[in-house]
Amino acid sequence: MKIDIQEHMLVPKHEIMTEEEISEEFSDVDYNFKDLPKIRADDPVVEEIGAEPGNVLRITRESQTAGVFVTYRIVEG
Protein backbone atom coordinates (compact mmCIF):
# COMPACT_ATOMS: atom_id res chain seq x y z
CA MET A 1 0.00 0.00 0.00
CA LYS A 2 1.44 3.35 -1.07
CA ILE A 3 0.59 6.43 0.98
CA ASP A 4 -0.12 9.68 -0.87
CA ILE A 5 1.95 12.15 1.14
CA GLN A 6 0.05 15.11 -0.31
CA GLU A 7 -3.15 13.89 1.30
CA HIS A 8 -1.68 14.27 4.80
CA MET A 9 -3.23 17.16 6.72
CA LEU A 10 0.17 18.61 7.69
CA VAL A 11 1.60 18.69 4.16
CA PRO A 12 0.76 21.90 2.26
CA LYS A 13 -0.21 21.84 -1.40
CA HIS A 14 2.84 21.80 -3.72
CA GLU A 15 2.49 22.67 -7.41
CA ILE A 16 5.05 22.92 -10.21
CA MET A 17 4.71 26.34 -11.83
CA THR A 18 4.71 26.80 -15.61
CA GLU A 19 7.06 29.25 -17.30
CA GLU A 20 4.08 31.55 -17.90
CA GLU A 21 3.08 31.48 -14.23
CA ILE A 22 6.66 32.23 -13.19
CA SER A 23 6.84 35.20 -15.58
CA GLU A 24 3.55 36.60 -14.30
CA GLU A 25 4.30 36.07 -10.62
CA PHE A 26 7.84 37.46 -10.62
CA SER A 27 7.56 40.24 -13.23
CA ASP A 28 6.98 42.97 -10.62
CA VAL A 29 9.65 41.98 -8.09
CA ASP A 30 13.17 43.31 -7.95
CA TYR A 31 14.95 39.98 -7.55
CA ASN A 32 15.53 36.97 -9.76
CA PHE A 33 13.26 33.99 -9.11
CA LYS A 34 16.39 31.82 -9.20
CA ASP A 35 17.31 33.37 -5.82
CA LEU A 36 14.25 31.82 -4.16
CA PRO A 37 14.75 29.57 -1.14
CA LYS A 38 15.71 26.04 -2.14
CA ILE A 39 13.94 22.73 -1.70
CA ARG A 40 15.88 19.53 -2.25
CA ALA A 41 15.09 17.27 -5.19
CA ASP A 42 14.98 14.30 -2.80
CA ASP A 43 12.25 15.87 -0.65
CA PRO A 44 9.38 13.32 -0.52
CA VAL A 45 6.78 15.76 -1.87
CA VAL A 46 9.11 16.94 -4.66
CA GLU A 47 9.64 13.33 -5.70
CA GLU A 48 5.89 12.60 -5.45
CA ILE A 49 4.91 15.43 -7.82
CA GLY A 50 7.76 14.71 -10.23
CA ALA A 51 9.54 18.05 -9.87
CA GLU A 52 13.07 18.33 -11.22
CA PRO A 53 16.00 20.63 -10.41
CA GLY A 54 15.25 24.12 -11.68
CA ASN A 55 11.47 23.81 -11.28
CA VAL A 56 9.74 26.49 -9.22
CA LEU A 57 7.14 25.25 -6.75
CA ARG A 58 4.15 27.15 -5.41
CA ILE A 59 3.44 25.99 -1.87
CA THR A 60 0.03 26.93 -0.47
CA ARG A 61 -0.56 26.66 3.25
CA GLU A 62 -3.86 27.22 5.00
CA SER A 63 -3.98 28.26 8.63
CA GLN A 64 -6.58 29.48 11.08
CA THR A 65 -4.60 32.62 11.86
CA ALA A 66 -3.07 33.60 8.51
CA GLY A 67 -5.75 32.33 6.16
CA VAL A 68 -4.02 31.27 2.96
CA PHE A 69 -0.26 31.77 2.72
CA VAL A 70 1.61 31.17 -0.55
CA THR A 71 5.36 30.73 -0.73
CA TYR A 72 7.74 29.67 -3.48
CA ARG A 73 10.75 27.36 -3.64
CA ILE A 74 13.15 26.37 -6.40
CA VAL A 75 14.15 22.72 -6.65
CA GLU A 76 17.87 22.14 -6.29
CA GLY A 77 19.69 19.01 -7.38
PDB file of N, CA and C in Angstrom:
ATOM      1  N   MET A   1       0.834  -1.174   0.000  1.00  0.00           N
ATOM      2  CA  MET A   1       0.000   0.000   0.000  1.00  0.00           C
ATOM      3  C   MET A   1       0.885   1.246   0.000  1.00  0.00           C
ATOM      4  N   LYS A   2       0.674   2.120  -0.969  1.00  0.00           N
ATOM      5  CA  LYS A   2       1.439   3.347  -1.065  1.00  0.00           C
ATOM      6  C   LYS A   2       0.618   4.500  -0.485  1.00  0.00           C
ATOM      7  N   ILE A   3       1.256   5.289   0.350  1.00  0.00           N
ATOM      8  CA  ILE A   3       0.592   6.426   0.978  1.00  0.00           C
ATOM      9  C   ILE A   3       0.830   7.666   0.131  1.00  0.00           C
ATOM     10  N   ASP A   4      -0.235   8.420  -0.148  1.00  0.00           N
ATOM     11  CA  ASP A   4      -0.115   9.677  -0.875  1.00  0.00           C
ATOM     12  C   ASP A   4       0.219  10.768   0.134  1.00  0.00           C
ATOM     13  N   ILE A   5       1.472  11.191   0.150  1.00  0.00           N
ATOM     14  CA  ILE A   5       1.951  12.153   1.136  1.00  0.00           C
ATOM     15  C   ILE A   5       1.204  13.484   1.046  1.00  0.00           C
ATOM     16  N   GLN A   6       0.742  13.835  -0.142  1.00  0.00           N
ATOM     17  CA  GLN A   6       0.051  15.112  -0.307  1.00  0.00           C
ATOM     18  C   GLN A   6      -1.334  15.118   0.327  1.00  0.00           C
ATOM     19  N   GLU A   7      -1.848  13.963   0.659  1.00  0.00           N
ATOM     20  CA  GLU A   7      -3.151  13.887   1.303  1.00  0.00           C
ATOM     21  C   GLU A   7      -3.064  14.075   2.815  1.00  0.00           C
ATOM     22  N   HIS A   8      -1.849  14.102   3.358  1.00  0.00           N
ATOM     23  CA  HIS A   8      -1.685  14.273   4.804  1.00  0.00           C
ATOM     24  C   HIS A   8      -2.042  15.702   5.197  1.00  0.00           C
ATOM     25  N   MET A   9      -2.741  15.848   6.299  1.00  0.00           N
ATOM     26  CA  MET A   9      -3.230  17.165   6.721  1.00  0.00           C
ATOM     27  C   MET A   9      -2.116  18.167   7.059  1.00  0.00           C
ATOM     28  N   LEU A  10      -0.924  17.711   7.345  1.00  0.00           N
ATOM     29  CA  LEU A  10       0.172  18.611   7.695  1.00  0.00           C
ATOM     30  C   LEU A  10       1.054  18.990   6.500  1.00  0.00           C
ATOM     31  N   VAL A  11       0.791  18.405   5.345  1.00  0.00           N
ATOM     32  CA  VAL A  11       1.596  18.692   4.157  1.00  0.00           C
ATOM     33  C   VAL A  11       0.850  19.705   3.296  1.00  0.00           C
ATOM     34  N   PRO A  12       1.436  20.901   3.090  1.00  0.00           N
ATOM     35  CA  PRO A  12       0.763  21.903   2.264  1.00  0.00           C
ATOM     36  C   PRO A  12       0.761  21.493   0.792  1.00  0.00           C
ATOM     37  N   LYS A  13      -0.103  22.132   0.025  1.00  0.00           N
ATOM     38  CA  LYS A  13      -0.215  21.842  -1.402  1.00  0.00           C
ATOM     39  C   LYS A  13       1.032  22.344  -2.133  1.00  0.00           C
ATOM     40  N   HIS A  14       1.664  21.466  -2.911  1.00  0.00           N
ATOM     41  CA  HIS A  14       2.838  21.797  -3.717  1.00  0.00           C
ATOM     42  C   HIS A  14       2.456  21.678  -5.188  1.00  0.00           C
ATOM     43  N   GLU A  15       2.776  22.694  -5.980  1.00  0.00           N
ATOM     44  CA  GLU A  15       2.490  22.669  -7.413  1.00  0.00           C
ATOM     45  C   GLU A  15       3.722  23.126  -8.191  1.00  0.00           C
ATOM     46  N   ILE A  16       3.978  22.482  -9.313  1.00  0.00           N
ATOM     47  CA  ILE A  16       5.050  22.923 -10.208  1.00  0.00           C
ATOM     48  C   ILE A  16       4.486  24.061 -11.046  1.00  0.00           C
ATOM     49  N   MET A  17       5.181  25.187 -11.055  1.00  0.00           N
ATOM     50  CA  MET A  17       4.709  26.337 -11.831  1.00  0.00           C
ATOM     51  C   MET A  17       5.169  26.247 -13.281  1.00  0.00           C
ATOM     52  N   THR A  18       4.340  26.736 -14.190  1.00  0.00           N
ATOM     53  CA  THR A  18       4.706  26.798 -15.606  1.00  0.00           C
ATOM     54  C   THR A  18       5.573  28.040 -15.824  1.00  0.00           C
ATOM     55  N   GLU A  19       6.237  28.086 -16.960  1.00  0.00           N
ATOM     56  CA  GLU A  19       7.062  29.251 -17.300  1.00  0.00           C
ATOM     57  C   GLU A  19       6.203  30.514 -17.333  1.00  0.00           C
ATOM     58  N   GLU A  20       4.989  30.407 -17.840  1.00  0.00           N
ATOM     59  CA  GLU A  20       4.082  31.554 -17.904  1.00  0.00           C
ATOM     60  C   GLU A  20       3.715  32.038 -16.502  1.00  0.00           C
ATOM     61  N   GLU A  21       3.411  31.113 -15.607  1.00  0.00           N
ATOM     62  CA  GLU A  21       3.081  31.482 -14.225  1.00  0.00           C
ATOM     63  C   GLU A  21       4.262  32.151 -13.534  1.00  0.00           C
ATOM     64  N   ILE A  22       5.456  31.646 -13.787  1.00  0.00           N
ATOM     65  CA  ILE A  22       6.658  32.228 -13.190  1.00  0.00           C
ATOM     66  C   ILE A  22       6.842  33.659 -13.693  1.00  0.00           C
ATOM     67  N   SER A  23       6.692  33.855 -15.001  1.00  0.00           N
ATOM     68  CA  SER A  23       6.841  35.197 -15.577  1.00  0.00           C
ATOM     69  C   SER A  23       5.839  36.174 -14.980  1.00  0.00           C
ATOM     70  N   GLU A  24       4.584  35.733 -14.864  1.00  0.00           N
ATOM     71  CA  GLU A  24       3.548  36.601 -14.301  1.00  0.00           C
ATOM     72  C   GLU A  24       3.807  36.913 -12.834  1.00  0.00           C
ATOM     73  N   GLU A  25       4.146  35.909 -12.075  1.00  0.00           N
ATOM     74  CA  GLU A  25       4.300  36.075 -10.624  1.00  0.00           C
ATOM     75  C   GLU A  25       5.508  36.922 -10.251  1.00  0.00           C
ATOM     76  N   PHE A  26       6.592  36.798 -10.995  1.00  0.00           N
ATOM     77  CA  PHE A  26       7.835  37.459 -10.616  1.00  0.00           C
ATOM     78  C   PHE A  26       8.187  38.648 -11.500  1.00  0.00           C
ATOM     79  N   SER A  27       7.263  39.112 -12.330  1.00  0.00           N
ATOM     80  CA  SER A  27       7.559  40.239 -13.228  1.00  0.00           C
ATOM     81  C   SER A  27       7.681  41.565 -12.476  1.00  0.00           C
ATOM     82  N   ASP A  28       7.000  41.705 -11.350  1.00  0.00           N
ATOM     83  CA  ASP A  28       6.985  42.968 -10.619  1.00  0.00           C
ATOM     84  C   ASP A  28       7.906  42.997  -9.400  1.00  0.00           C
ATOM     85  N   VAL A  29       8.745  42.001  -9.250  1.00  0.00           N
ATOM     86  CA  VAL A  29       9.646  41.980  -8.093  1.00  0.00           C
ATOM     87  C   VAL A  29      11.059  42.349  -8.528  1.00  0.00           C
ATOM     88  N   ASP A  30      11.831  42.863  -7.591  1.00  0.00           N
ATOM     89  CA  ASP A  30      13.174  43.314  -7.945  1.00  0.00           C
ATOM     90  C   ASP A  30      14.257  42.311  -7.575  1.00  0.00           C
ATOM     91  N   TYR A  31      13.954  41.027  -7.719  1.00  0.00           N
ATOM     92  CA  TYR A  31      14.946  39.978  -7.549  1.00  0.00           C
ATOM     93  C   TYR A  31      14.658  38.868  -8.545  1.00  0.00           C
ATOM     94  N   ASN A  32      15.656  38.058  -8.804  1.00  0.00           N
ATOM     95  CA  ASN A  32      15.531  36.971  -9.758  1.00  0.00           C
ATOM     96  C   ASN A  32      14.889  35.772  -9.061  1.00  0.00           C
ATOM     97  N   PHE A  33      13.938  35.141  -9.714  1.00  0.00           N
ATOM     98  CA  PHE A  33      13.262  33.995  -9.105  1.00  0.00           C
ATOM     99  C   PHE A  33      14.244  32.865  -8.806  1.00  0.00           C
ATOM    100  N   LYS A  34      15.400  32.869  -9.461  1.00  0.00           N
ATOM    101  CA  LYS A  34      16.393  31.825  -9.196  1.00  0.00           C
ATOM    102  C   LYS A  34      17.052  31.994  -7.829  1.00  0.00           C
ATOM    103  N   ASP A  35      16.792  33.121  -7.175  1.00  0.00           N
ATOM    104  CA  ASP A  35      17.311  33.366  -5.824  1.00  0.00           C
ATOM    105  C   ASP A  35      16.304  32.969  -4.736  1.00  0.00           C
ATOM    106  N   LEU A  36      15.245  32.288  -5.127  1.00  0.00           N
ATOM    107  CA  LEU A  36      14.253  31.822  -4.158  1.00  0.00           C
ATOM    108  C   LEU A  36      14.886  30.818  -3.196  1.00  0.00           C
ATOM    109  N   PRO A  37      14.273  30.640  -2.031  1.00  0.00           N
ATOM    110  CA  PRO A  37      14.748  29.570  -1.138  1.00  0.00           C
ATOM    111  C   PRO A  37      14.695  28.228  -1.854  1.00  0.00           C
ATOM    112  N   LYS A  38      15.575  27.339  -1.475  1.00  0.00           N
ATOM    113  CA  LYS A  38      15.709  26.037  -2.141  1.00  0.00           C
ATOM    114  C   LYS A  38      14.887  24.955  -1.446  1.00  0.00           C
ATOM    115  N   ILE A  39      14.517  23.956  -2.234  1.00  0.00           N
ATOM    116  CA  ILE A  39      13.941  22.728  -1.703  1.00  0.00           C
ATOM    117  C   ILE A  39      14.670  21.598  -2.412  1.00  0.00           C
ATOM    118  N   ARG A  40      15.062  20.599  -1.674  1.00  0.00           N
ATOM    119  CA  ARG A  40      15.879  19.530  -2.248  1.00  0.00           C
ATOM    120  C   ARG A  40      15.077  18.631  -3.180  1.00  0.00           C
ATOM    121  N   ALA A  41      15.730  18.153  -4.218  1.00  0.00           N
ATOM    122  CA  ALA A  41      15.093  17.265  -5.191  1.00  0.00           C
ATOM    123  C   ALA A  41      14.691  15.931  -4.567  1.00  0.00           C
ATOM    124  N   ASP A  42      15.332  15.564  -3.446  1.00  0.00           N
ATOM    125  CA  ASP A  42      14.981  14.296  -2.801  1.00  0.00           C
ATOM    126  C   ASP A  42      13.933  14.463  -1.687  1.00  0.00           C
ATOM    127  N   ASP A  43      13.345  15.656  -1.587  1.00  0.00           N
ATOM    128  CA  ASP A  43      12.245  15.865  -0.650  1.00  0.00           C
ATOM    129  C   ASP A  43      11.088  14.956  -1.075  1.00  0.00           C
ATOM    130  N   PRO A  44      10.442  14.266  -0.146  1.00  0.00           N
ATOM    131  CA  PRO A  44       9.384  13.321  -0.519  1.00  0.00           C
ATOM    132  C   PRO A  44       8.267  13.924  -1.372  1.00  0.00           C
ATOM    133  N   VAL A  45       7.842  15.154  -1.071  1.00  0.00           N
ATOM    134  CA  VAL A  45       6.776  15.762  -1.874  1.00  0.00           C
ATOM    135  C   VAL A  45       7.293  16.115  -3.266  1.00  0.00           C
ATOM    136  N   VAL A  46       8.514  16.608  -3.355  1.00  0.00           N
ATOM    137  CA  VAL A  46       9.107  16.941  -4.656  1.00  0.00           C
ATOM    138  C   VAL A  46       9.159  15.693  -5.536  1.00  0.00           C
ATOM    139  N   GLU A  47       9.596  14.589  -4.947  1.00  0.00           N
ATOM    140  CA  GLU A  47       9.637  13.334  -5.701  1.00  0.00           C
ATOM    141  C   GLU A  47       8.230  12.891  -6.098  1.00  0.00           C
ATOM    142  N   GLU A  48       7.266  13.037  -5.192  1.00  0.00           N
ATOM    143  CA  GLU A  48       5.886  12.603  -5.447  1.00  0.00           C
ATOM    144  C   GLU A  48       5.255  13.345  -6.624  1.00  0.00           C
ATOM    145  N   ILE A  49       5.526  14.655  -6.736  1.00  0.00           N
ATOM    146  CA  ILE A  49       4.905  15.426  -7.819  1.00  0.00           C
ATOM    147  C   ILE A  49       5.745  15.419  -9.096  1.00  0.00           C
ATOM    148  N   GLY A  50       6.923  14.825  -9.042  1.00  0.00           N
ATOM    149  CA  GLY A  50       7.756  14.706 -10.234  1.00  0.00           C
ATOM    150  C   GLY A  50       8.522  15.962 -10.592  1.00  0.00           C
ATOM    151  N   ALA A  51       8.775  16.822  -9.610  1.00  0.00           N
ATOM    152  CA  ALA A  51       9.537  18.046  -9.870  1.00  0.00           C
ATOM    153  C   ALA A  51      11.008  17.716 -10.079  1.00  0.00           C
ATOM    154  N   GLU A  52      11.663  18.529 -10.887  1.00  0.00           N
ATOM    155  CA  GLU A  52      13.067  18.330 -11.220  1.00  0.00           C
ATOM    156  C   GLU A  52      13.863  19.578 -10.856  1.00  0.00           C
ATOM    157  N   PRO A  53      15.182  19.457 -10.707  1.00  0.00           N
ATOM    158  CA  PRO A  53      15.997  20.629 -10.408  1.00  0.00           C
ATOM    159  C   PRO A  53      15.725  21.756 -11.408  1.00  0.00           C
ATOM    160  N   GLY A  54      15.560  22.957 -10.860  1.00  0.00           N
ATOM    161  CA  GLY A  54      15.247  24.122 -11.677  1.00  0.00           C
ATOM    162  C   GLY A  54      13.770  24.468 -11.691  1.00  0.00           C
ATOM    163  N   ASN A  55      12.899  23.520 -11.348  1.00  0.00           N
ATOM    164  CA  ASN A  55      11.465  23.810 -11.284  1.00  0.00           C
ATOM    165  C   ASN A  55      11.184  24.749 -10.117  1.00  0.00           C
ATOM    166  N   VAL A  56      10.199  25.616 -10.292  1.00  0.00           N
ATOM    167  CA  VAL A  56       9.738  26.489  -9.221  1.00  0.00           C
ATOM    168  C   VAL A  56       8.428  25.912  -8.703  1.00  0.00           C
ATOM    169  N   LEU A  57       8.340  25.791  -7.378  1.00  0.00           N
ATOM    170  CA  LEU A  57       7.139  25.252  -6.753  1.00  0.00           C
ATOM    171  C   LEU A  57       6.368  26.348  -6.048  1.00  0.00           C
ATOM    172  N   ARG A  58       5.048  26.292  -6.187  1.00  0.00           N
ATOM    173  CA  ARG A  58       4.153  27.150  -5.414  1.00  0.00           C
ATOM    174  C   ARG A  58       3.637  26.284  -4.265  1.00  0.00           C
ATOM    175  N   ILE A  59       3.861  26.738  -3.045  1.00  0.00           N
ATOM    176  CA  ILE A  59       3.443  25.987  -1.867  1.00  0.00           C
ATOM    177  C   ILE A  59       2.371  26.811  -1.153  1.00  0.00           C
ATOM    178  N   THR A  60       1.176  26.233  -1.051  1.00  0.00           N
ATOM    179  CA  THR A  60       0.034  26.934  -0.470  1.00  0.00           C
ATOM    180  C   THR A  60      -0.321  26.303   0.865  1.00  0.00           C
ATOM    181  N   ARG A  61      -0.237  27.118   1.903  1.00  0.00           N
ATOM    182  CA  ARG A  61      -0.562  26.659   3.255  1.00  0.00           C
ATOM    183  C   ARG A  61      -1.832  27.360   3.716  1.00  0.00           C
ATOM    184  N   GLU A  62      -2.665  26.629   4.402  1.00  0.00           N
ATOM    185  CA  GLU A  62      -3.858  27.220   4.998  1.00  0.00           C
ATOM    186  C   GLU A  62      -3.722  27.145   6.506  1.00  0.00           C
ATOM    187  N   SER A  63      -4.055  28.262   7.172  1.00  0.00           N
ATOM    188  CA  SER A  63      -3.984  28.264   8.630  1.00  0.00           C
ATOM    189  C   SER A  63      -5.157  29.051   9.191  1.00  0.00           C
ATOM    190  N   GLN A  64      -5.481  28.777  10.435  1.00  0.00           N
ATOM    191  CA  GLN A  64      -6.584  29.476  11.080  1.00  0.00           C
ATOM    192  C   GLN A  64      -6.242  30.934  11.345  1.00  0.00           C
ATOM    193  N   THR A  65      -4.981  31.245  11.545  1.00  0.00           N
ATOM    194  CA  THR A  65      -4.600  32.618  11.863  1.00  0.00           C
ATOM    195  C   THR A  65      -4.212  33.451  10.641  1.00  0.00           C
ATOM    196  N   ALA A  66      -3.550  32.845   9.671  1.00  0.00           N
ATOM    197  CA  ALA A  66      -3.066  33.601   8.511  1.00  0.00           C
ATOM    198  C   ALA A  66      -3.969  33.463   7.289  1.00  0.00           C
ATOM    199  N   GLY A  67      -4.928  32.580   7.340  1.00  0.00           N
ATOM    200  CA  GLY A  67      -5.755  32.333   6.164  1.00  0.00           C
ATOM    201  C   GLY A  67      -4.973  31.481   5.183  1.00  0.00           C
ATOM    202  N   VAL A  68      -4.799  31.985   3.969  1.00  0.00           N
ATOM    203  CA  VAL A  68      -4.022  31.267   2.959  1.00  0.00           C
ATOM    204  C   VAL A  68      -2.694  31.987   2.775  1.00  0.00           C
ATOM    205  N   PHE A  69      -1.601  31.240   2.879  1.00  0.00           N
ATOM    206  CA  PHE A  69      -0.256  31.772   2.721  1.00  0.00           C
ATOM    207  C   PHE A  69       0.430  31.028   1.594  1.00  0.00           C
ATOM    208  N   VAL A  70       0.927  31.774   0.599  1.00  0.00           N
ATOM    209  CA  VAL A  70       1.608  31.168  -0.548  1.00  0.00           C
ATOM    210  C   VAL A  70       3.081  31.522  -0.486  1.00  0.00           C
ATOM    211  N   THR A  71       3.911  30.523  -0.689  1.00  0.00           N
ATOM    212  CA  THR A  71       5.362  30.733  -0.728  1.00  0.00           C
ATOM    213  C   THR A  71       5.911  29.969  -1.933  1.00  0.00           C
ATOM    214  N   TYR A  72       7.136  30.264  -2.293  1.00  0.00           N
ATOM    215  CA  TYR A  72       7.741  29.669  -3.485  1.00  0.00           C
ATOM    216  C   TYR A  72       9.097  29.082  -3.127  1.00  0.00           C
ATOM    217  N   ARG A  73       9.448  28.006  -3.811  1.00  0.00           N
ATOM    218  CA  ARG A  73      10.753  27.362  -3.638  1.00  0.00           C
ATOM    219  C   ARG A  73      11.250  26.916  -5.011  1.00  0.00           C
ATOM    220  N   ILE A  74      12.566  26.903  -5.181  1.00  0.00           N
ATOM    221  CA  ILE A  74      13.151  26.368  -6.402  1.00  0.00           C
ATOM    222  C   ILE A  74      13.827  25.042  -6.056  1.00  0.00           C
ATOM    223  N   VAL A  75      13.615  24.055  -6.894  1.00  0.00           N
ATOM    224  CA  VAL A  75      14.149  22.723  -6.648  1.00  0.00           C
ATOM    225  C   VAL A  75      15.634  22.711  -6.991  1.00  0.00           C
ATOM    226  N   GLU A  76      16.443  22.244  -6.049  1.00  0.00           N
ATOM    227  CA  GLU A  76      17.874  22.142  -6.287  1.00  0.00           C
ATOM    228  C   GLU A  76      18.260  20.671  -6.359  1.00  0.00           C
ATOM    229  N   GLY A  77      19.254  20.383  -7.176  1.00  0.00           N
ATOM    230  CA  GLY A  77      19.693  19.007  -7.380  1.00  0.00           C
ATOM    231  C   GLY A  77      20.583  18.583  -6.326  1.00  0.00           C
TER     232      GLY A  77
END
